[in-house]
Amino acid sequence: MADIQSEPDRRRVAIDKVGVKAIKHPVTLSTMRGDAQETVAGINMYVSLPADRKGTHMSRFLEAINEYREGLQPERIIQLCHELRENLDAADAHVEMNFPYFITKKAPVTGLPGLMDYQCAFHCEANEHGEDFIMSVAAAATSLCPCSKEISAYGAHNQRCLITAEVRFNSMVWIEELVDHIESAASCPVYSVLKRPDEKLVTEQAFENPKFVEDIVRDLAIRLDEDERLDWFHVKSENFESIHNHNAYAEITRDKRS
């Protein structure tokens, strides 16, 4: 049958990215415990297209992801990227995968378990020179305002914040480890299940550990800087202010290779 995509294109305009976007696909992730977790990922896959070629073969993207959906770890996403380059005869390939990841977390006093969801992402790019892989983890936490605590006769305003860490690494880093780094930088973690003794503890814990948004990203940056497996990181926190009609925000980027 005729292969229209492989025909030459007279306009001679190269395309940076062409492919498929907003795929919803079940995937199985390897976990730090050694078992597997099933989730549903939103996936984007692209390749570059030279100026002399009319189009790419869209069906090959879906064929590829079907082969790689089991036991996903960073190295398999990198393999997928290189396979896309080869199968689609492209100079560059890109894979973006966003998914919820669930961790069982026990309440701090009663020990009651509950599932916490964390929004995660894998971003990979491959070309003839090698590959670039970034893992991203976002976790909700609590921030309590140091200024409010200092000036108020009763209590202090606090709010939920969303802290995100994006990392490049030279040896395996697990999602669970990044979650621990992130939550340790906040005034207090959040939980899905809390009874009254737990609520008392986390309220007092946040009050004894007040942090501005600047404190959160600085403390997280220090923890990531001390982790020798990390080559690069970008951290950010958005605090959803409870007494203001705006959010507070801060971010830090560090390249430890330079």
C-alpha atoms as a PDB file:
ATOM      1  CA  MET A   1       0.000   0.000   0.000  1.00  0.00           C
ATOM      2  CA  ALA A   2       1.059   3.589  -0.553  1.00  0.00           C
ATOM      3  CA  ASP A   3       3.199   5.102   2.227  1.00  0.00           C
ATOM      4  CA  ILE A   4       2.308   8.803   2.042  1.00  0.00           C
ATOM      5  CA  GLN A   5       4.238   9.729   5.217  1.00  0.00           C
ATOM      6  CA  SER A   6       7.537   8.634   3.679  1.00  0.00           C
ATOM      7  CA  GLU A   7       7.136  10.757   0.573  1.00  0.00           C
ATOM      8  CA  PRO A   8       9.325  13.868   0.189  1.00  0.00           C
ATOM      9  CA  ASP A   9       7.998  17.262   1.256  1.00  0.00           C
ATOM     10  CA  ARG A  10       8.674  20.195  -1.068  1.00  0.00           C
ATOM     11  CA  ARG A  11       8.461  22.872   1.634  1.00  0.00           C
ATOM     12  CA  ARG A  12      11.768  21.792   3.212  1.00  0.00           C
ATOM     13  CA  VAL A  13      10.808  22.754   6.776  1.00  0.00           C
ATOM     14  CA  ALA A  14      12.077  20.548   9.599  1.00  0.00           C
ATOM     15  CA  ILE A  15       9.778  19.804  12.565  1.00  0.00           C
ATOM     16  CA  ASP A  16      11.145  19.762  16.111  1.00  0.00           C
ATOM     17  CA  LYS A  17       8.489  17.502  17.627  1.00  0.00           C
ATOM     18  CA  VAL A  18       5.753  15.431  16.027  1.00  0.00           C
ATOM     19  CA  GLY A  19       3.947  12.506  17.555  1.00  0.00           C
ATOM     20  CA  VAL A  20       1.071  11.546  19.825  1.00  0.00           C
ATOM     21  CA  LYS A  21      -0.193  13.356  22.895  1.00  0.00           C
ATOM     22  CA  ALA A  22      -2.581  12.783  25.816  1.00  0.00           C
ATOM     23  CA  ILE A  23      -2.453   8.986  25.664  1.00  0.00           C
ATOM     24  CA  LYS A  24      -4.090   7.373  28.703  1.00  0.00           C
ATOM     25  CA  HIS A  25      -2.440   4.052  29.329  1.00  0.00           C
ATOM     26  CA  PRO A  26      -2.122   1.564  32.211  1.00  0.00           C
ATOM     27  CA  VAL A  27       1.460   1.129  33.375  1.00  0.00           C
ATOM     28  CA  THR A  28       3.153  -0.958  36.048  1.00  0.00           C
ATOM     29  CA  LEU A  29       5.902   0.724  38.069  1.00  0.00           C
ATOM     30  CA  SER A  30       8.669  -0.952  40.046  1.00  0.00           C
ATOM     31  CA  THR A  31       8.643   0.243  43.663  1.00  0.00           C
ATOM     32  CA  MET A  32      11.311   0.766  46.308  1.00  0.00           C
ATOM     33  CA  ARG A  33       9.896  -2.224  48.240  1.00  0.00           C
ATOM     34  CA  GLY A  34      10.669  -4.531  45.335  1.00  0.00           C
ATOM     35  CA  ASP A  35       7.079  -5.107  44.269  1.00  0.00           C
ATOM     36  CA  ALA A  36       5.009  -3.393  41.549  1.00  0.00           C
ATOM     37  CA  GLN A  37       2.314  -0.729  41.484  1.00  0.00           C
ATOM     38  CA  GLU A  38      -0.289  -0.346  38.765  1.00  0.00           C
ATOM     39  CA  THR A  39      -1.382   3.140  37.775  1.00  0.00           C
ATOM     40  CA  VAL A  40      -2.664   5.070  34.762  1.00  0.00           C
ATOM     41  CA  ALA A  41      -0.285   7.453  33.001  1.00  0.00           C
ATOM     42  CA  GLY A  42      -0.809  10.363  30.676  1.00  0.00           C
ATOM     43  CA  ILE A  43       1.813   9.917  27.971  1.00  0.00           C
ATOM     44  CA  ASN A  44       3.209  12.168  25.226  1.00  0.00           C
ATOM     45  CA  MET A  45       5.693  10.800  22.671  1.00  0.00           C
ATOM     46  CA  TYR A  46       7.405  12.751  19.913  1.00  0.00           C
ATOM     47  CA  VAL A  47      10.233  12.530  17.413  1.00  0.00           C
ATOM     48  CA  SER A  48      11.931  15.104  15.235  1.00  0.00           C
ATOM     49  CA  LEU A  49      11.154  15.081  11.522  1.00  0.00           C
ATOM     50  CA  PRO A  50      13.667  16.105   8.830  1.00  0.00           C
ATOM     51  CA  ALA A  51      12.776  18.733   6.270  1.00  0.00           C
ATOM     52  CA  ASP A  52      12.639  16.285   3.359  1.00  0.00           C
ATOM     53  CA  ARG A  53      10.084  13.901   4.906  1.00  0.00           C
ATOM     54  CA  LYS A  54       6.338  14.487   4.763  1.00  0.00           C
ATOM     55  CA  GLY A  55       5.278  12.774   7.979  1.00  0.00           C
ATOM     56  CA  THR A  56       5.979  10.266  10.730  1.00  0.00           C
ATOM     57  CA  HIS A  57       4.289   6.940  11.436  1.00  0.00           C
ATOM     58  CA  MET A  58       1.896   7.612  14.317  1.00  0.00           C
ATOM     59  CA  SER A  59       0.899   3.983  14.912  1.00  0.00           C
ATOM     60  CA  ARG A  60       4.465   3.031  15.814  1.00  0.00           C
ATOM     61  CA  PHE A  61       4.308   5.158  18.974  1.00  0.00           C
ATOM     62  CA  LEU A  62       1.420   3.100  20.337  1.00  0.00           C
ATOM     63  CA  GLU A  63       3.079  -0.148  19.326  1.00  0.00           C
ATOM     64  CA  ALA A  64       6.158   0.870  21.299  1.00  0.00           C
ATOM     65  CA  ILE A  65       4.388   1.840  24.534  1.00  0.00           C
ATOM     66  CA  ASN A  66       2.569  -1.501  24.588  1.00  0.00           C
ATOM     67  CA  GLU A  67       5.951  -3.209  24.837  1.00  0.00           C
ATOM     68  CA  TYR A  68       7.205  -1.029  27.702  1.00  0.00           C
ATOM     69  CA  ARG A  69       4.275  -0.656  30.082  1.00  0.00           C
ATOM     70  CA  GLU A  70       5.402  -3.365  32.538  1.00  0.00           C
ATOM     71  CA  GLY A  71       7.934  -2.796  35.329  1.00  0.00           C
ATOM     72  CA  LEU A  72       8.714   0.769  34.354  1.00  0.00           C
ATOM     73  CA  GLN A  73      11.888   2.298  35.737  1.00  0.00           C
ATOM     74  CA  PRO A  74      13.965   5.192  34.360  1.00  0.00           C
ATOM     75  CA  GLU A  75      16.258   2.933  32.340  1.00  0.00           C
ATOM     76  CA  ARG A  76      13.279   1.437  30.496  1.00  0.00           C
ATOM     77  CA  ILE A  77      11.958   4.880  29.584  1.00  0.00           C
ATOM     78  CA  ILE A  78      15.417   5.641  28.158  1.00  0.00           C
ATOM     79  CA  GLN A  79      15.298   2.393  26.173  1.00  0.00           C
ATOM     80  CA  LEU A  80      11.861   3.363  24.852  1.00  0.00           C
ATOM     81  CA  CYS A  81      13.211   6.725  23.685  1.00  0.00           C
ATOM     82  CA  HIS A  82      16.077   5.126  21.772  1.00  0.00           C
ATOM     83  CA  GLU A  83      13.716   2.565  20.243  1.00  0.00           C
ATOM     84  CA  LEU A  84      11.472   5.379  18.974  1.00  0.00           C
ATOM     85  CA  ARG A  85      14.492   7.006  17.335  1.00  0.00           C
ATOM     86  CA  GLU A  86      15.385   3.768  15.609  1.00  0.00           C
ATOM     87  CA  ASN A  87      11.893   2.680  14.562  1.00  0.00           C
ATOM     88  CA  LEU A  88      10.956   6.120  13.258  1.00  0.00           C
ATOM     89  CA  ASP A  89      14.382   6.946  11.801  1.00  0.00           C
ATOM     90  CA  ALA A  90      14.549  10.178  13.810  1.00  0.00           C
ATOM     91  CA  ALA A  91      17.424  12.241  15.170  1.00  0.00           C
ATOM     92  CA  ASP A  92      15.601  13.019  18.439  1.00  0.00           C
ATOM     93  CA  ALA A  93      12.914  11.299  20.503  1.00  0.00           C
ATOM     94  CA  HIS A  94      10.967  12.524  23.519  1.00  0.00           C
ATOM     95  CA  VAL A  95       8.816  10.678  26.060  1.00  0.00           C
ATOM     96  CA  GLU A  96       6.785  12.457  28.752  1.00  0.00           C
ATOM     97  CA  MET A  97       4.879  10.403  31.298  1.00  0.00           C
ATOM     98  CA  ASN A  98       2.722  11.836  34.109  1.00  0.00           C
ATOM     99  CA  PHE A  99       1.046   9.603  36.671  1.00  0.00           C
ATOM    100  CA  PRO A 100      -0.268   9.396  40.258  1.00  0.00           C
ATOM    101  CA  TYR A 101       1.812   7.268  42.602  1.00  0.00           C
ATOM    102  CA  PHE A 102       0.379   5.927  45.859  1.00  0.00           C
ATOM    103  CA  ILE A 103       2.224   5.355  49.124  1.00  0.00           C
ATOM    104  CA  THR A 104       0.737   3.922  52.314  1.00  0.00           C
ATOM    105  CA  LYS A 105       1.399   6.352  55.148  1.00  0.00           C
ATOM    106  CA  LYS A 106       0.637   5.737  58.804  1.00  0.00           C
ATOM    107  CA  ALA A 107      -0.815   8.396  61.093  1.00  0.00           C
ATOM    108  CA  PRO A 108       1.927   9.642  63.451  1.00  0.00           C
ATOM    109  CA  VAL A 109       0.286   8.640  66.776  1.00  0.00           C
ATOM    110  CA  THR A 110      -2.407   6.031  66.159  1.00  0.00           C
ATOM    111  CA  GLY A 111      -0.536   4.366  63.302  1.00  0.00           C
ATOM    112  CA  LEU A 112      -3.685   4.080  61.202  1.00  0.00           C
ATOM    113  CA  PRO A 113      -2.723   3.538  57.553  1.00  0.00           C
ATOM    114  CA  GLY A 114      -3.970   5.625  54.657  1.00  0.00           C
ATOM    115  CA  LEU A 115      -3.068   6.038  51.006  1.00  0.00           C
ATOM    116  CA  MET A 116      -1.349   9.248  49.911  1.00  0.00           C
ATOM    117  CA  ASP A 117      -1.200  10.138  46.227  1.00  0.00           C
ATOM    118  CA  TYR A 118       1.775  11.950  44.713  1.00  0.00           C
ATOM    119  CA  GLN A 119       1.884  13.413  41.222  1.00  0.00           C
ATOM    120  CA  CYS A 120       4.980  12.166  39.409  1.00  0.00           C
ATOM    121  CA  ALA A 121       6.519  12.521  35.970  1.00  0.00           C
ATOM    122  CA  PHE A 122       9.267  11.026  33.815  1.00  0.00           C
ATOM    123  CA  HIS A 123      10.662  13.208  31.010  1.00  0.00           C
ATOM    124  CA  CYS A 124      13.225  11.697  28.658  1.00  0.00           C
ATOM    125  CA  GLU A 125      14.982  12.918  25.521  1.00  0.00           C
ATOM    126  CA  ALA A 126      17.337  10.806  23.404  1.00  0.00           C
ATOM    127  CA  ASN A 127      19.549  11.640  20.440  1.00  0.00           C
ATOM    128  CA  GLU A 128      22.806  10.468  18.860  1.00  0.00           C
ATOM    129  CA  HIS A 129      24.816  11.995  21.722  1.00  0.00           C
ATOM    130  CA  GLY A 130      22.988  10.111  24.486  1.00  0.00           C
ATOM    131  CA  GLU A 131      19.956  10.799  26.653  1.00  0.00           C
ATOM    132  CA  ASP A 132      18.599  13.168  29.268  1.00  0.00           C
ATOM    133  CA  PHE A 133      16.200  11.966  31.949  1.00  0.00           C
ATOM    134  CA  ILE A 134      14.342  14.022  34.567  1.00  0.00           C
ATOM    135  CA  MET A 135      12.137  12.619  37.319  1.00  0.00           C
ATOM    136  CA  SER A 136       9.606  14.888  39.007  1.00  0.00           C
ATOM    137  CA  VAL A 137       7.680  14.354  42.249  1.00  0.00           C
ATOM    138  CA  ALA A 138       5.102  16.742  43.746  1.00  0.00           C
ATOM    139  CA  ALA A 139       3.892  16.378  47.332  1.00  0.00           C
ATOM    140  CA  ALA A 140       1.420  18.340  49.412  1.00  0.00           C
ATOM    141  CA  ALA A 141       2.548  19.469  52.862  1.00  0.00           C
ATOM    142  CA  THR A 142       1.804  22.047  55.572  1.00  0.00           C
ATOM    143  CA  SER A 143       3.480  25.431  55.971  1.00  0.00           C
ATOM    144  CA  LEU A 144       2.992  27.661  59.015  1.00  0.00           C
ATOM    145  CA  CYS A 145       3.892  31.350  58.789  1.00  0.00           C
ATOM    146  CA  PRO A 146       6.750  32.405  61.133  1.00  0.00           C
ATOM    147  CA  CYS A 147       5.663  36.058  61.014  1.00  0.00           C
ATOM    148  CA  SER A 148       2.072  35.216  61.955  1.00  0.00           C
ATOM    149  CA  LYS A 149       3.280  33.108  64.866  1.00  0.00           C
ATOM    150  CA  GLU A 150       5.565  35.892  66.087  1.00  0.00           C
ATOM    151  CA  ILE A 151       3.030  38.707  66.050  1.00  0.00           C
ATOM    152  CA  SER A 152      -0.138  36.862  67.083  1.00  0.00           C
ATOM    153  CA  ALA A 153      -1.372  36.357  70.641  1.00  0.00           C
ATOM    154  CA  TYR A 154      -3.194  33.190  69.553  1.00  0.00           C
ATOM    155  CA  GLY A 155      -1.956  30.668  67.008  1.00  0.00           C
ATOM    156  CA  ALA A 156      -0.656  31.356  63.502  1.00  0.00           C
ATOM    157  CA  HIS A 157      -2.025  31.038  59.999  1.00  0.00           C
ATOM    158  CA  ASN A 158      -1.068  27.878  58.168  1.00  0.00           C
ATOM    159  CA  GLN A 159      -1.929  26.346  54.844  1.00  0.00           C
ATOM    160  CA  ARG A 160      -1.301  23.491  52.516  1.00  0.00           C
ATOM    161  CA  CYS A 161       1.549  23.878  50.068  1.00  0.00           C
ATOM    162  CA  LEU A 162       2.587  21.935  46.966  1.00  0.00           C
ATOM    163  CA  ILE A 163       6.305  21.192  46.835  1.00  0.00           C
ATOM    164  CA  THR A 164       7.881  19.830  43.645  1.00  0.00           C
ATOM    165  CA  ALA A 165      11.340  18.376  43.078  1.00  0.00           C
ATOM    166  CA  GLU A 166      12.711  17.643  39.607  1.00  0.00           C
ATOM    167  CA  VAL A 167      16.008  15.746  39.516  1.00  0.00           C
ATOM    168  CA  ARG A 168      18.672  14.365  37.218  1.00  0.00           C
ATOM    169  CA  PHE A 169      20.640  11.527  38.816  1.00  0.00           C
ATOM    170  CA  ASN A 170      23.642   9.274  38.246  1.00  0.00           C
ATOM    171  CA  SER A 171      22.310   6.216  40.124  1.00  0.00           C
ATOM    172  CA  MET A 172      18.862   4.987  41.082  1.00  0.00           C
ATOM    173  CA  VAL A 173      16.657   7.351  43.091  1.00  0.00           C
ATOM    174  CA  TRP A 174      13.216   6.114  44.128  1.00  0.00           C
ATOM    175  CA  ILE A 175      10.019   8.146  44.217  1.00  0.00           C
ATOM    176  CA  GLU A 176       9.646   7.269  47.899  1.00  0.00           C
ATOM    177  CA  GLU A 177      13.046   8.840  48.634  1.00  0.00           C
ATOM    178  CA  LEU A 178      12.132  12.104  46.928  1.00  0.00           C
ATOM    179  CA  VAL A 179       8.851  12.192  48.840  1.00  0.00           C
ATOM    180  CA  ASP A 180      10.806  11.891  52.086  1.00  0.00           C
ATOM    181  CA  HIS A 181      13.110  14.758  51.072  1.00  0.00           C
ATOM    182  CA  ILE A 182      10.147  16.954  50.144  1.00  0.00           C
ATOM    183  CA  GLU A 183       8.052  16.328  53.234  1.00  0.00           C
ATOM    184  CA  SER A 184      11.034  16.867  55.543  1.00  0.00           C
ATOM    185  CA  ALA A 185      11.429  20.401  54.172  1.00  0.00           C
ATOM    186  CA  ALA A 186       7.915  21.524  55.185  1.00  0.00           C
ATOM    187  CA  SER A 187       6.535  22.602  58.549  1.00  0.00           C
ATOM    188  CA  CYS A 188       4.734  19.272  58.739  1.00  0.00           C
ATOM    189  CA  PRO A 189       3.633  16.477  56.386  1.00  0.00           C
ATOM    190  CA  VAL A 190      -0.029  15.917  55.551  1.00  0.00           C
ATOM    191  CA  TYR A 191      -1.863  12.609  55.996  1.00  0.00           C
ATOM    192  CA  SER A 192      -4.972  10.990  54.589  1.00  0.00           C
ATOM    193  CA  VAL A 193      -6.131   9.498  57.932  1.00  0.00           C
ATOM    194  CA  LEU A 194      -5.881  11.408  61.221  1.00  0.00           C
ATOM    195  CA  LYS A 195      -7.659  10.777  64.510  1.00  0.00           C
ATOM    196  CA  ARG A 196      -7.736  13.369  67.290  1.00  0.00           C
ATOM    197  CA  PRO A 197      -4.367  12.375  68.867  1.00  0.00           C
ATOM    198  CA  ASP A 198      -2.774  12.556  65.400  1.00  0.00           C
ATOM    199  CA  GLU A 199      -4.366  15.912  64.639  1.00  0.00           C
ATOM    200  CA  LYS A 200      -3.065  17.313  67.916  1.00  0.00           C
ATOM    201  CA  LEU A 201       0.463  16.184  67.129  1.00  0.00           C
ATOM    202  CA  VAL A 202       0.616  17.526  63.553  1.00  0.00           C
ATOM    203  CA  THR A 203      -0.913  20.855  64.615  1.00  0.00           C
ATOM    204  CA  GLU A 204       1.707  21.276  67.323  1.00  0.00           C
ATOM    205  CA  GLN A 205       4.476  20.006  65.060  1.00  0.00           C
ATOM    206  CA  ALA A 206       3.705  22.665  62.464  1.00  0.00           C
ATOM    207  CA  PHE A 207       3.488  25.352  65.155  1.00  0.00           C
ATOM    208  CA  GLU A 208       6.943  24.402  66.441  1.00  0.00           C
ATOM    209  CA  ASN A 209       8.394  24.356  62.909  1.00  0.00           C
ATOM    210  CA  PRO A 210       7.211  27.546  61.146  1.00  0.00           C
ATOM    211  CA  LYS A 211       8.507  28.111  57.616  1.00  0.00           C
ATOM    212  CA  PHE A 212       8.200  30.739  54.924  1.00  0.00           C
ATOM    213  CA  VAL A 213       8.066  29.517  51.334  1.00  0.00           C
ATOM    214  CA  GLU A 214      11.712  30.622  51.078  1.00  0.00           C
ATOM    215  CA  ASP A 215      12.628  28.334  53.999  1.00  0.00           C
ATOM    216  CA  ILE A 216      10.971  25.359  52.354  1.00  0.00           C
ATOM    217  CA  VAL A 217      12.888  25.563  49.062  1.00  0.00           C
ATOM    218  CA  ARG A 218      16.165  26.349  50.813  1.00  0.00           C
ATOM    219  CA  ASP A 219      15.860  23.405  53.199  1.00  0.00           C
ATOM    220  CA  LEU A 220      14.896  21.092  50.356  1.00  0.00           C
ATOM    221  CA  ALA A 221      17.809  22.339  48.237  1.00  0.00           C
ATOM    222  CA  ILE A 222      20.231  21.580  51.086  1.00  0.00           C
ATOM    223  CA  ARG A 223      18.911  18.017  51.395  1.00  0.00           C
ATOM    224  CA  LEU A 224      19.170  17.399  47.649  1.00  0.00           C
ATOM    225  CA  ASP A 225      22.614  18.971  47.478  1.00  0.00           C
ATOM    226  CA  GLU A 226      23.816  16.460  50.077  1.00  0.00           C
ATOM    227  CA  ASP A 227      22.547  13.486  48.032  1.00  0.00           C
ATOM    228  CA  GLU A 228      25.526  12.453  45.887  1.00  0.00           C
ATOM    229  CA  ARG A 229      23.292  10.540  43.474  1.00  0.00           C
ATOM    230  CA  LEU A 230      21.770  13.793  42.225  1.00  0.00           C
ATOM    231  CA  ASP A 231      23.527  15.773  39.471  1.00  0.00           C
ATOM    232  CA  TRP A 232      20.931  18.510  39.044  1.00  0.00           C
ATOM    233  CA  PHE A 233      17.724  19.610  40.687  1.00  0.00           C
ATOM    234  CA  HIS A 234      14.947  22.149  40.390  1.00  0.00           C
ATOM    235  CA  VAL A 235      12.718  22.646  43.439  1.00  0.00           C
ATOM    236  CA  LYS A 236       9.673  24.846  43.887  1.00  0.00           C
ATOM    237  CA  SER A 237       6.955  25.436  46.437  1.00  0.00           C
ATOM    238  CA  GLU A 238       3.585  27.087  46.018  1.00  0.00           C
ATOM    239  CA  ASN A 239       1.885  27.952  49.300  1.00  0.00           C
ATOM    240  CA  PHE A 240      -1.884  28.393  49.065  1.00  0.00           C
ATOM    241  CA  GLU A 241      -2.205  31.274  51.494  1.00  0.00           C
ATOM    242  CA  SER A 242      -5.128  31.023  53.919  1.00  0.00           C
ATOM    243  CA  ILE A 243      -5.393  34.752  54.755  1.00  0.00           C
ATOM    244  CA  HIS A 244      -4.306  36.308  51.434  1.00  0.00           C
ATOM    245  CA  ASN A 245      -5.941  36.444  48.033  1.00  0.00           C
ATOM    246  CA  HIS A 246      -2.767  35.171  46.387  1.00  0.00           C
ATOM    247  CA  ASN A 247      -0.262  32.330  46.686  1.00  0.00           C
ATOM    248  CA  ALA A 248       3.369  32.533  47.815  1.00  0.00           C
ATOM    249  CA  TYR A 249       5.977  30.955  45.536  1.00  0.00           C
ATOM    250  CA  ALA A 250       9.715  30.229  45.425  1.00  0.00           C
ATOM    251  CA  GLU A 251      12.049  28.057  43.341  1.00  0.00           C
ATOM    252  CA  ILE A 252      15.728  27.083  43.171  1.00  0.00           C
ATOM    253  CA  THR A 253      17.720  25.391  40.395  1.00  0.00           C
ATOM    254  CA  ARG A 254      21.170  23.886  40.947  1.00  0.00           C
ATOM    255  CA  ASP A 255      23.510  22.086  38.541  1.00  0.00           C
ATOM    256  CA  LYS A 256      25.940  20.171  40.735  1.00  0.00           C
ATOM    257  CA  ARG A 257      28.025  19.135  37.709  1.00  0.00           C
ATOM    258  CA  SER A 258      29.333  22.665  37.109  1.00  0.00           C
END
